[in-house]
Protein backbone atom coordinates (compact mmCIF):
# COMPACT_ATOMS: atom_id res chain seq x y z
CA MET A 1 24.47 -15.56 -22.06
CA PRO A 2 22.65 -17.12 -19.06
CA GLU A 3 18.87 -16.99 -19.02
CA SER A 4 17.07 -14.83 -16.50
CA ILE A 5 15.61 -16.49 -13.45
CA GLU A 6 12.55 -14.21 -13.65
CA ASN A 7 10.32 -13.54 -16.61
CA ASP A 8 11.78 -10.53 -18.41
CA SER A 9 8.65 -9.44 -20.26
CA PRO A 10 7.75 -5.73 -20.22
CA GLU A 11 4.87 -6.44 -17.83
CA MET A 12 7.09 -8.22 -15.30
CA SER A 13 9.75 -5.54 -15.64
CA PHE A 14 7.09 -2.92 -14.85
CA ARG A 15 5.98 -4.91 -11.80
CA ARG A 16 9.55 -5.24 -10.50
CA GLY A 17 10.07 -1.51 -10.97
CA TYR A 18 6.80 -0.73 -9.19
CA GLN A 19 7.81 -2.90 -6.23
CA HIS A 20 11.27 -1.35 -6.02
CA GLY A 21 9.78 2.16 -6.22
CA VAL A 22 7.33 1.41 -3.43
CA ILE A 23 10.14 0.05 -1.24
CA ASP A 24 12.31 3.12 -1.88
CA MET A 25 9.40 5.47 -1.09
CA PHE A 26 8.63 3.55 2.11
CA ARG A 27 12.25 3.78 3.26
CA ALA A 28 12.22 7.53 2.62
CA ILE A 29 9.10 8.22 4.71
CA GLU A 30 8.93 5.42 7.30
CA ARG A 31 10.47 7.47 10.11
CA PHE A 32 7.67 10.05 9.76
CA LEU A 33 4.84 7.51 10.08
CA ASP A 34 3.06 6.38 13.20
CA PRO A 35 3.69 2.71 14.08
CA ALA A 36 0.25 1.46 12.96
CA THR A 37 0.54 3.10 9.53
CA ARG A 38 4.10 1.85 9.17
CA ASP A 39 2.98 -1.72 9.88
CA VAL A 40 0.12 -1.56 7.36
CA LEU A 41 2.40 -0.21 4.63
CA LYS A 42 5.06 -2.80 5.43
CA ASP A 43 2.47 -5.60 5.18
CA TRP A 44 1.18 -4.14 1.90
CA ILE A 45 4.67 -4.17 0.43
CA GLU A 46 5.79 -7.54 1.80
CA LYS A 47 2.57 -9.44 1.17
CA ASP A 48 0.36 -7.76 -1.41
CA ILE A 49 2.87 -6.13 -3.75
CA TYR A 50 5.27 -9.08 -3.68
CA VAL A 51 2.47 -11.55 -4.54
CA TRP A 52 1.10 -9.21 -7.23
CA ARG A 53 4.56 -8.99 -8.82
CA THR A 54 5.48 -12.66 -8.70
CA LYS A 55 2.14 -14.22 -9.57
CA ALA A 56 0.93 -11.57 -12.03
CA MET A 57 -2.66 -12.28 -10.98
CA LEU A 58 -4.12 -8.81 -11.31
CA GLY A 59 -3.66 -6.06 -13.82
CA TYR A 60 -3.16 -3.58 -10.98
CA PRO A 61 -1.59 -3.68 -7.53
CA PRO A 62 -3.96 -4.73 -4.71
CA LEU A 63 -5.01 -1.71 -2.68
CA TRP A 64 -7.49 -3.15 -0.18
CA ARG A 65 -5.02 -2.88 2.69
CA LEU A 66 -4.38 0.79 1.94
CA GLN A 67 -8.09 1.51 1.55
CA ARG A 68 -8.69 -0.04 4.98
CA LEU A 69 -6.01 2.27 6.42
CA THR A 70 -7.73 5.28 4.84
CA SER A 71 -11.15 4.32 6.19
CA GLN A 72 -9.70 3.80 9.70
CA ARG A 73 -8.11 7.22 9.57
CA GLU A 74 -11.32 8.89 8.40
CA ALA A 75 -13.27 7.19 11.20
CA SER A 76 -10.83 8.45 13.82
CA VAL A 77 -11.11 12.02 12.51
CA ARG A 78 -14.93 12.13 12.52
CA PRO A 79 -16.45 13.70 15.62
CA THR A 80 -18.25 11.23 17.86
CA GLY A 81 -20.96 13.58 19.11
CA SER A 82 -22.93 16.34 17.53
CA THR A 83 -22.52 19.88 18.87
CA GLN A 84 -25.23 21.51 16.80
CA ALA A 85 -27.39 24.06 18.57
CA ARG A 86 -31.03 23.16 18.94
CA SER A 87 -33.55 25.59 17.56
CA ASP A 88 -36.83 25.28 19.45
């Protein structure tokens, strides 16, 4: 039987499955996302998740790119001015 090209340990199998699941989820929802969000998620999958899977550097997937997306969204939702009534 030929040997696997990739490490077939349970950890690496989990990482491959995680990456494939993320890709499948992205494909299912990408048409509902705005272009900026779509680009951030695509970069997360292609750069962060791929590197996490192949190099096995971290015990968890890198989320900094997604956290940046969340903080940008929260900043755009916050009101810029205050409309509170003054009580003199």
